[in-house]
């Protein structure tokens, strides 16, 4: 798990079937001092986070399969919650 900053949402006209109906967000992973940790990523967001929100993300495939309800989803990153 890692914290990240939501930069915005994104869309794809052609996508894997497991992404149908899923919200995709563009986010910036953060270090403990809130500086960027690598390049921005795209993640599945089931929580409705908005631009500027700090969130917890995970690369756990089991969680991504649970969120998408698809056994063979190519999703790697998922939002696990919004930080207060």
C-alpha atoms as a PDB file:
ATOM      1  CA  UNK A   1       0.000   0.000   0.000  1.00  0.00           C
ATOM      2  CA  UNK A   2       1.081   3.529  -0.738  1.00  0.00           C
ATOM      3  CA  UNK A   3      -0.397   7.009  -0.633  1.00  0.00           C
ATOM      4  CA  UNK A   4      -1.040   8.930  -3.832  1.00  0.00           C
ATOM      5  CA  UNK A   5      -2.511  12.206  -5.055  1.00  0.00           C
ATOM      6  CA  UNK A   6      -5.375  12.132  -7.562  1.00  0.00           C
ATOM      7  CA  UNK A   7      -4.476  14.203 -10.638  1.00  0.00           C
ATOM      8  CA  UNK A   8      -7.740  13.591 -12.509  1.00  0.00           C
ATOM      9  CA  UNK A   9      -9.775  10.946 -14.280  1.00  0.00           C
ATOM     10  CA  UNK A  10      -9.161   9.326 -17.642  1.00  0.00           C
ATOM     11  CA  UNK A  11     -11.094   7.416 -20.285  1.00  0.00           C
ATOM     12  CA  UNK A  12     -10.317   4.723 -22.798  1.00  0.00           C
ATOM     13  CA  UNK A  13     -12.409   4.082 -25.903  1.00  0.00           C
ATOM     14  CA  UNK A  14     -10.922   0.618 -26.331  1.00  0.00           C
ATOM     15  CA  UNK A  15     -10.334  -1.290 -23.107  1.00  0.00           C
ATOM     16  CA  UNK A  16     -10.262  -4.711 -21.534  1.00  0.00           C
ATOM     17  CA  UNK A  17     -13.729  -6.067 -20.745  1.00  0.00           C
ATOM     18  CA  UNK A  18     -12.979  -5.983 -16.999  1.00  0.00           C
ATOM     19  CA  UNK A  19     -12.731  -2.163 -17.176  1.00  0.00           C
ATOM     20  CA  UNK A  20     -16.285  -1.727 -18.486  1.00  0.00           C
ATOM     21  CA  UNK A  21     -18.154   0.431 -15.975  1.00  0.00           C
ATOM     22  CA  UNK A  22     -15.014   1.054 -13.913  1.00  0.00           C
ATOM     23  CA  UNK A  23     -13.735   4.539 -13.116  1.00  0.00           C
ATOM     24  CA  UNK A  24     -10.078   5.080 -14.054  1.00  0.00           C
ATOM     25  CA  UNK A  25      -8.042   7.815 -12.379  1.00  0.00           C
ATOM     26  CA  UNK A  26      -4.634   9.313 -13.040  1.00  0.00           C
ATOM     27  CA  UNK A  27      -2.631   9.559  -9.817  1.00  0.00           C
ATOM     28  CA  UNK A  28       0.804  10.439  -8.516  1.00  0.00           C
ATOM     29  CA  UNK A  29       2.314   8.029  -5.955  1.00  0.00           C
ATOM     30  CA  UNK A  30       3.836   9.889  -2.994  1.00  0.00           C
ATOM     31  CA  UNK A  31       6.770   9.349  -0.651  1.00  0.00           C
ATOM     32  CA  UNK A  32       6.373   9.867   3.110  1.00  0.00           C
ATOM     33  CA  UNK A  33       7.385  13.528   2.709  1.00  0.00           C
ATOM     34  CA  UNK A  34       4.674  13.916   0.015  1.00  0.00           C
ATOM     35  CA  UNK A  35       7.162  14.265  -2.854  1.00  0.00           C
ATOM     36  CA  UNK A  36       6.489  12.278  -6.062  1.00  0.00           C
ATOM     37  CA  UNK A  37       7.536   8.626  -6.044  1.00  0.00           C
ATOM     38  CA  UNK A  38       8.007   7.742  -9.705  1.00  0.00           C
ATOM     39  CA  UNK A  39       5.825   8.553 -12.700  1.00  0.00           C
ATOM     40  CA  UNK A  40       2.032   9.038 -12.589  1.00  0.00           C
ATOM     41  CA  UNK A  41      -0.098   5.874 -12.804  1.00  0.00           C
ATOM     42  CA  UNK A  42      -3.595   4.874 -13.881  1.00  0.00           C
ATOM     43  CA  UNK A  43      -5.685   3.031 -11.302  1.00  0.00           C
ATOM     44  CA  UNK A  44      -9.203   1.683 -10.848  1.00  0.00           C
ATOM     45  CA  UNK A  45     -11.213   3.817  -8.418  1.00  0.00           C
ATOM     46  CA  UNK A  46     -14.362   2.401  -6.824  1.00  0.00           C
ATOM     47  CA  UNK A  47     -14.506   5.183  -4.208  1.00  0.00           C
ATOM     48  CA  UNK A  48     -15.230   8.248  -6.356  1.00  0.00           C
ATOM     49  CA  UNK A  49     -12.124  10.217  -5.432  1.00  0.00           C
ATOM     50  CA  UNK A  50     -11.694  13.675  -6.950  1.00  0.00           C
ATOM     51  CA  UNK A  51      -8.766  15.749  -8.178  1.00  0.00           C
ATOM     52  CA  UNK A  52      -6.610  16.766  -5.213  1.00  0.00           C
ATOM     53  CA  UNK A  53      -7.709  13.893  -2.946  1.00  0.00           C
ATOM     54  CA  UNK A  54      -5.044  11.857  -1.197  1.00  0.00           C
ATOM     55  CA  UNK A  55      -5.756   8.148  -1.459  1.00  0.00           C
ATOM     56  CA  UNK A  56      -4.316   4.773  -0.511  1.00  0.00           C
ATOM     57  CA  UNK A  57      -3.411   2.590  -3.500  1.00  0.00           C
ATOM     58  CA  UNK A  58      -2.414  -1.039  -3.845  1.00  0.00           C
ATOM     59  CA  UNK A  59      -0.910  -3.242  -6.537  1.00  0.00           C
ATOM     60  CA  UNK A  60      -2.551  -6.353  -5.071  1.00  0.00           C
ATOM     61  CA  UNK A  61      -3.988  -8.396  -7.941  1.00  0.00           C
ATOM     62  CA  UNK A  62      -6.519 -10.132  -5.711  1.00  0.00           C
ATOM     63  CA  UNK A  63      -7.998  -6.762  -4.733  1.00  0.00           C
ATOM     64  CA  UNK A  64      -8.158  -5.678  -8.403  1.00  0.00           C
ATOM     65  CA  UNK A  65      -9.951  -8.923  -9.297  1.00  0.00           C
ATOM     66  CA  UNK A  66     -12.419  -8.305  -6.478  1.00  0.00           C
ATOM     67  CA  UNK A  67     -13.124  -4.710  -7.555  1.00  0.00           C
ATOM     68  CA  UNK A  68     -13.566  -5.581 -11.235  1.00  0.00           C
ATOM     69  CA  UNK A  69     -15.306  -8.893 -10.515  1.00  0.00           C
ATOM     70  CA  UNK A  70     -13.155 -10.426 -13.260  1.00  0.00           C
ATOM     71  CA  UNK A  71     -10.641 -13.248 -12.776  1.00  0.00           C
ATOM     72  CA  UNK A  72      -8.300 -12.166 -15.603  1.00  0.00           C
ATOM     73  CA  UNK A  73      -8.232  -8.383 -15.259  1.00  0.00           C
ATOM     74  CA  UNK A  74      -4.990  -6.721 -16.398  1.00  0.00           C
ATOM     75  CA  UNK A  75      -5.430  -4.020 -13.708  1.00  0.00           C
ATOM     76  CA  UNK A  76      -2.396  -3.535 -11.525  1.00  0.00           C
ATOM     77  CA  UNK A  77      -3.233  -0.504  -9.387  1.00  0.00           C
ATOM     78  CA  UNK A  78      -6.439   0.118  -7.413  1.00  0.00           C
ATOM     79  CA  UNK A  79      -7.584   2.808  -5.011  1.00  0.00           C
ATOM     80  CA  UNK A  80      -8.292   1.270  -1.587  1.00  0.00           C
ATOM     81  CA  UNK A  81      -9.579   4.352   0.183  1.00  0.00           C
ATOM     82  CA  UNK A  82      -9.600   8.133   0.497  1.00  0.00           C
ATOM     83  CA  UNK A  83      -7.502   9.722   3.259  1.00  0.00           C
ATOM     84  CA  UNK A  84      -9.085  12.411   5.446  1.00  0.00           C
END
